[in-house]
Amino acid sequence: MIQLLKSCTYVRSPCISFAAVKAAAFKDPVVLEAYLLEKASESNRIDIELFMTKLKVVLSDLPQKDIEVCDLANELGIVLASVLGNEKHTEKECLKGIRHGFSLTRTT
């Protein structure tokens, strides 16, 4: 099925619509992983709906009480890497964005 998805993506034929791929990804974790990895290799942009689905799964597995900040950051890093890829340039871009977010909250 992955090969079929790839051939349709590159040829841009109407054999499988984006909506059908997305629907299949939500139903089957294997298809979701393949889809996310393929999208990550194309650019640094992600489908926010698929990202949120993956994030919700991880967050639901966290303890219901307090969690250490570093543990939460680890989980977020795992989700981001699984969606965007774990290449060093992607990691640097994510960390740069996080640092920028923190700097935007500072008043000084």
N, C-alpha and C. Protein backbone atom coordinates (compact mmCIF):
# COMPACT_ATOMS: atom_id res chain seq x y z
N MET A 1 0.81 -1.19 0.00
CA MET A 1 0.00 0.00 0.00
C MET A 1 0.86 1.25 0.00
N ILE A 2 1.99 1.21 0.69
CA ILE A 2 2.87 2.38 0.73
C ILE A 2 3.37 2.71 -0.67
N GLN A 3 3.76 1.71 -1.42
CA GLN A 3 4.23 1.95 -2.78
C GLN A 3 3.13 2.58 -3.62
N LEU A 4 1.90 2.12 -3.43
CA LEU A 4 0.77 2.68 -4.16
C LEU A 4 0.58 4.14 -3.79
N LEU A 5 0.70 4.46 -2.49
CA LEU A 5 0.57 5.84 -2.06
C LEU A 5 1.65 6.71 -2.66
N LYS A 6 2.87 6.19 -2.69
CA LYS A 6 3.97 6.96 -3.25
C LYS A 6 3.77 7.19 -4.74
N SER A 7 3.35 6.15 -5.46
CA SER A 7 3.18 6.31 -6.90
C SER A 7 2.10 7.33 -7.20
N CYS A 8 1.04 7.36 -6.43
CA CYS A 8 -0.02 8.33 -6.66
C CYS A 8 0.43 9.73 -6.30
N THR A 9 1.26 9.84 -5.27
CA THR A 9 1.73 11.15 -4.86
C THR A 9 2.62 11.77 -5.93
N TYR A 10 3.53 10.99 -6.48
CA TYR A 10 4.47 11.54 -7.43
C TYR A 10 3.85 11.73 -8.82
N VAL A 11 2.97 10.84 -9.21
CA VAL A 11 2.36 10.93 -10.53
C VAL A 11 1.22 11.94 -10.52
N ARG A 12 0.67 12.17 -9.32
CA ARG A 12 -0.46 13.06 -9.14
C ARG A 12 -1.69 12.58 -9.91
N SER A 13 -1.83 11.30 -10.01
CA SER A 13 -3.01 10.74 -10.65
C SER A 13 -4.14 10.68 -9.65
N PRO A 14 -5.37 10.60 -10.12
CA PRO A 14 -6.52 10.59 -9.22
C PRO A 14 -6.78 9.23 -8.58
N CYS A 15 -5.80 8.33 -8.56
CA CYS A 15 -6.06 6.98 -8.06
C CYS A 15 -6.38 6.97 -6.56
N ILE A 16 -5.73 7.81 -5.75
CA ILE A 16 -6.07 7.92 -4.33
C ILE A 16 -6.04 9.40 -3.97
N SER A 17 -7.14 9.89 -3.48
CA SER A 17 -7.19 11.31 -3.10
C SER A 17 -6.48 11.53 -1.78
N PHE A 18 -6.11 12.78 -1.53
CA PHE A 18 -5.48 13.13 -0.27
C PHE A 18 -6.42 12.81 0.89
N ALA A 19 -7.70 13.10 0.72
CA ALA A 19 -8.68 12.82 1.77
C ALA A 19 -8.72 11.33 2.11
N ALA A 20 -8.60 10.49 1.09
CA ALA A 20 -8.61 9.04 1.32
C ALA A 20 -7.36 8.59 2.08
N VAL A 21 -6.23 9.16 1.72
CA VAL A 21 -4.98 8.83 2.42
C VAL A 21 -5.07 9.27 3.87
N LYS A 22 -5.58 10.47 4.09
CA LYS A 22 -5.71 10.99 5.44
C LYS A 22 -6.67 10.14 6.26
N ALA A 23 -7.79 9.75 5.68
CA ALA A 23 -8.76 8.90 6.37
C ALA A 23 -8.13 7.56 6.74
N ALA A 24 -7.37 6.99 5.81
CA ALA A 24 -6.71 5.70 6.08
C ALA A 24 -5.66 5.87 7.18
N ALA A 25 -4.98 6.99 7.18
CA ALA A 25 -3.95 7.24 8.20
C ALA A 25 -4.55 7.30 9.59
N PHE A 26 -5.73 7.89 9.72
CA PHE A 26 -6.37 7.97 11.03
C PHE A 26 -6.83 6.60 11.52
N LYS A 27 -7.13 5.70 10.60
CA LYS A 27 -7.64 4.38 10.98
C LYS A 27 -6.54 3.36 11.27
N ASP A 28 -5.40 3.52 10.63
CA ASP A 28 -4.34 2.50 10.73
C ASP A 28 -3.02 3.16 11.12
N PRO A 29 -2.49 2.83 12.30
CA PRO A 29 -1.23 3.44 12.75
C PRO A 29 -0.06 3.20 11.79
N VAL A 30 -0.04 2.07 11.10
CA VAL A 30 1.05 1.79 10.16
C VAL A 30 0.99 2.76 8.98
N VAL A 31 -0.21 3.00 8.47
CA VAL A 31 -0.37 3.94 7.38
C VAL A 31 -0.04 5.35 7.85
N LEU A 32 -0.44 5.68 9.07
CA LEU A 32 -0.15 6.99 9.64
C LEU A 32 1.36 7.21 9.71
N GLU A 33 2.10 6.25 10.22
CA GLU A 33 3.56 6.38 10.32
C GLU A 33 4.18 6.57 8.94
N ALA A 34 3.75 5.77 7.97
CA ALA A 34 4.31 5.88 6.61
C ALA A 34 3.99 7.24 6.00
N TYR A 35 2.78 7.69 6.20
CA TYR A 35 2.37 8.99 5.67
C TYR A 35 3.18 10.12 6.29
N LEU A 36 3.33 10.10 7.61
CA LEU A 36 4.07 11.15 8.29
C LEU A 36 5.53 11.17 7.87
N LEU A 37 6.14 10.00 7.74
CA LEU A 37 7.54 9.95 7.32
C LEU A 37 7.72 10.46 5.90
N GLU A 38 6.78 10.12 5.03
CA GLU A 38 6.86 10.60 3.65
C GLU A 38 6.71 12.11 3.61
N LYS A 39 5.75 12.65 4.35
CA LYS A 39 5.55 14.09 4.38
C LYS A 39 6.76 14.80 4.98
N ALA A 40 7.35 14.22 6.01
CA ALA A 40 8.52 14.83 6.66
C ALA A 40 9.68 14.93 5.68
N SER A 41 9.81 13.94 4.81
CA SER A 41 10.92 13.97 3.87
C SER A 41 10.71 15.01 2.77
N GLU A 42 9.46 15.45 2.58
CA GLU A 42 9.17 16.42 1.52
C GLU A 42 9.45 17.86 1.95
N SER A 43 9.20 18.21 3.21
CA SER A 43 9.40 19.58 3.66
C SER A 43 9.40 19.62 5.19
N ASN A 44 9.53 20.83 5.73
CA ASN A 44 9.48 20.98 7.18
C ASN A 44 8.09 21.36 7.64
N ARG A 45 7.08 21.20 6.79
CA ARG A 45 5.70 21.50 7.15
C ARG A 45 4.99 20.20 7.50
N ILE A 46 4.04 20.29 8.45
CA ILE A 46 3.31 19.10 8.84
C ILE A 46 1.82 19.36 8.79
N ASP A 47 1.07 18.30 8.67
CA ASP A 47 -0.39 18.37 8.75
C ASP A 47 -0.75 18.45 10.23
N ILE A 48 -1.29 19.57 10.67
CA ILE A 48 -1.52 19.80 12.09
C ILE A 48 -2.54 18.82 12.66
N GLU A 49 -3.51 18.41 11.88
CA GLU A 49 -4.51 17.46 12.38
C GLU A 49 -3.87 16.11 12.70
N LEU A 50 -2.99 15.64 11.82
CA LEU A 50 -2.29 14.38 12.08
C LEU A 50 -1.34 14.52 13.26
N PHE A 51 -0.66 15.65 13.35
CA PHE A 51 0.24 15.90 14.48
C PHE A 51 -0.53 15.86 15.79
N MET A 52 -1.68 16.54 15.82
CA MET A 52 -2.47 16.59 17.05
C MET A 52 -2.99 15.21 17.44
N THR A 53 -3.34 14.40 16.45
CA THR A 53 -3.79 13.04 16.75
C THR A 53 -2.69 12.25 17.43
N LYS A 54 -1.49 12.35 16.88
CA LYS A 54 -0.35 11.63 17.46
C LYS A 54 -0.01 12.17 18.85
N LEU A 55 -0.08 13.49 19.01
CA LEU A 55 0.21 14.11 20.29
C LEU A 55 -0.81 13.70 21.35
N LYS A 56 -2.07 13.62 20.98
CA LYS A 56 -3.12 13.23 21.93
C LYS A 56 -2.89 11.81 22.45
N VAL A 57 -2.41 10.92 21.58
CA VAL A 57 -2.13 9.55 22.01
C VAL A 57 -1.03 9.55 23.06
N VAL A 58 0.03 10.32 22.80
CA VAL A 58 1.15 10.39 23.75
C VAL A 58 0.69 11.02 25.06
N LEU A 59 -0.05 12.11 24.98
CA LEU A 59 -0.49 12.80 26.19
C LEU A 59 -1.44 11.94 27.01
N SER A 60 -2.24 11.12 26.36
CA SER A 60 -3.16 10.26 27.12
C SER A 60 -2.43 9.17 27.90
N ASP A 61 -1.21 8.86 27.48
CA ASP A 61 -0.41 7.85 28.17
C ASP A 61 0.41 8.43 29.33
N LEU A 62 0.44 9.74 29.46
CA LEU A 62 1.21 10.37 30.54
C LEU A 62 0.49 10.18 31.88
N PRO A 63 1.24 10.24 32.97
CA PRO A 63 0.60 10.15 34.28
C PRO A 63 -0.40 11.29 34.47
N GLN A 64 -1.45 11.03 35.21
CA GLN A 64 -2.49 12.04 35.42
C GLN A 64 -2.09 13.08 36.47
N LYS A 65 -1.05 12.82 37.19
CA LYS A 65 -0.54 13.78 38.19
C LYS A 65 0.55 14.64 37.56
N ASP A 66 1.24 15.37 38.40
CA ASP A 66 2.33 16.22 37.91
C ASP A 66 3.38 15.40 37.18
N ILE A 67 4.02 16.04 36.21
CA ILE A 67 5.10 15.40 35.45
C ILE A 67 6.25 16.40 35.40
N GLU A 68 7.46 15.90 35.42
CA GLU A 68 8.62 16.78 35.32
C GLU A 68 8.67 17.42 33.94
N VAL A 69 9.13 18.66 33.91
CA VAL A 69 9.19 19.40 32.66
C VAL A 69 10.03 18.66 31.62
N CYS A 70 11.16 18.11 32.05
CA CYS A 70 12.03 17.41 31.10
C CYS A 70 11.35 16.17 30.52
N ASP A 71 10.51 15.49 31.31
CA ASP A 71 9.78 14.33 30.80
C ASP A 71 8.75 14.75 29.76
N LEU A 72 8.06 15.84 30.03
CA LEU A 72 7.10 16.35 29.05
C LEU A 72 7.81 16.78 27.76
N ALA A 73 8.95 17.46 27.91
CA ALA A 73 9.72 17.87 26.75
C ALA A 73 10.20 16.66 25.95
N ASN A 74 10.59 15.58 26.65
CA ASN A 74 11.00 14.35 25.96
C ASN A 74 9.87 13.83 25.09
N GLU A 75 8.67 13.78 25.66
CA GLU A 75 7.51 13.27 24.92
C GLU A 75 7.20 14.14 23.71
N LEU A 76 7.27 15.45 23.90
CA LEU A 76 7.04 16.36 22.77
C LEU A 76 8.11 16.16 21.69
N GLY A 77 9.34 15.99 22.11
CA GLY A 77 10.43 15.75 21.17
C GLY A 77 10.22 14.47 20.38
N ILE A 78 9.75 13.43 21.04
CA ILE A 78 9.50 12.16 20.36
C ILE A 78 8.41 12.33 19.31
N VAL A 79 7.33 13.04 19.67
CA VAL A 79 6.25 13.27 18.71
C VAL A 79 6.75 14.10 17.53
N LEU A 80 7.45 15.18 17.81
CA LEU A 80 7.97 16.02 16.73
C LEU A 80 8.90 15.23 15.81
N ALA A 81 9.81 14.46 16.38
CA ALA A 81 10.75 13.68 15.57
C ALA A 81 10.03 12.62 14.76
N SER A 82 8.98 12.04 15.32
CA SER A 82 8.26 11.00 14.57
C SER A 82 7.47 11.60 13.41
N VAL A 83 7.10 12.87 13.53
CA VAL A 83 6.34 13.51 12.46
C VAL A 83 7.26 14.19 11.45
N LEU A 84 8.30 14.86 11.93
CA LEU A 84 9.18 15.63 11.06
C LEU A 84 10.43 14.89 10.61
N GLY A 85 10.80 13.84 11.33
CA GLY A 85 12.06 13.16 11.07
C GLY A 85 13.06 13.56 12.15
N ASN A 86 14.10 12.79 12.31
CA ASN A 86 15.03 13.05 13.41
C ASN A 86 16.39 13.57 12.92
N GLU A 87 16.41 14.18 11.76
CA GLU A 87 17.66 14.73 11.25
C GLU A 87 18.08 15.93 12.10
N LYS A 88 19.39 16.17 12.16
CA LYS A 88 19.94 17.25 12.98
C LYS A 88 19.38 18.62 12.58
N HIS A 89 19.24 18.88 11.28
CA HIS A 89 18.74 20.19 10.86
C HIS A 89 17.31 20.41 11.31
N THR A 90 16.51 19.36 11.36
CA THR A 90 15.13 19.46 11.84
C THR A 90 15.12 19.72 13.34
N GLU A 91 15.97 19.02 14.07
CA GLU A 91 16.09 19.23 15.51
C GLU A 91 16.48 20.68 15.81
N LYS A 92 17.46 21.20 15.07
CA LYS A 92 17.90 22.58 15.28
C LYS A 92 16.76 23.56 15.02
N GLU A 93 15.99 23.32 13.97
CA GLU A 93 14.88 24.21 13.64
C GLU A 93 13.80 24.18 14.74
N CYS A 94 13.51 23.00 15.26
CA CYS A 94 12.53 22.88 16.35
C CYS A 94 13.02 23.59 17.60
N LEU A 95 14.26 23.37 17.98
CA LEU A 95 14.81 24.02 19.17
C LEU A 95 14.86 25.54 19.01
N LYS A 96 15.17 25.99 17.81
CA LYS A 96 15.18 27.43 17.54
C LYS A 96 13.77 28.01 17.73
N GLY A 97 12.75 27.30 17.25
CA GLY A 97 11.38 27.75 17.42
C GLY A 97 10.94 27.77 18.87
N ILE A 98 11.36 26.78 19.64
CA ILE A 98 11.02 26.73 21.07
C ILE A 98 11.69 27.88 21.81
N ARG A 99 12.98 28.11 21.52
CA ARG A 99 13.69 29.23 22.15
C ARG A 99 12.99 30.55 21.82
N HIS A 100 12.58 30.69 20.58
CA HIS A 100 11.89 31.92 20.16
C HIS A 100 10.57 32.07 20.91
N GLY A 101 9.84 30.97 21.06
CA GLY A 101 8.59 31.02 21.82
C GLY A 101 8.80 31.48 23.25
N PHE A 102 9.82 30.96 23.90
CA PHE A 102 10.15 31.41 25.26
C PHE A 102 10.51 32.88 25.27
N SER A 103 11.29 33.32 24.30
CA SER A 103 11.71 34.72 24.27
C SER A 103 10.52 35.65 24.06
N LEU A 104 9.51 35.19 23.34
CA LEU A 104 8.32 36.03 23.12
C LEU A 104 7.52 36.24 24.41
N THR A 105 7.69 35.35 25.38
CA THR A 105 6.93 35.48 26.64
C THR A 105 7.64 36.36 27.65
N ARG A 106 8.90 36.68 27.41
CA ARG A 106 9.66 37.50 28.35
C ARG A 106 9.35 38.98 28.12
N THR A 107 9.20 39.71 29.20
CA THR A 107 8.86 41.13 29.08
C THR A 107 10.08 42.03 29.10
N THR A 108 11.23 41.48 29.46
CA THR A 108 12.43 42.34 29.56
C THR A 108 13.24 42.30 28.30
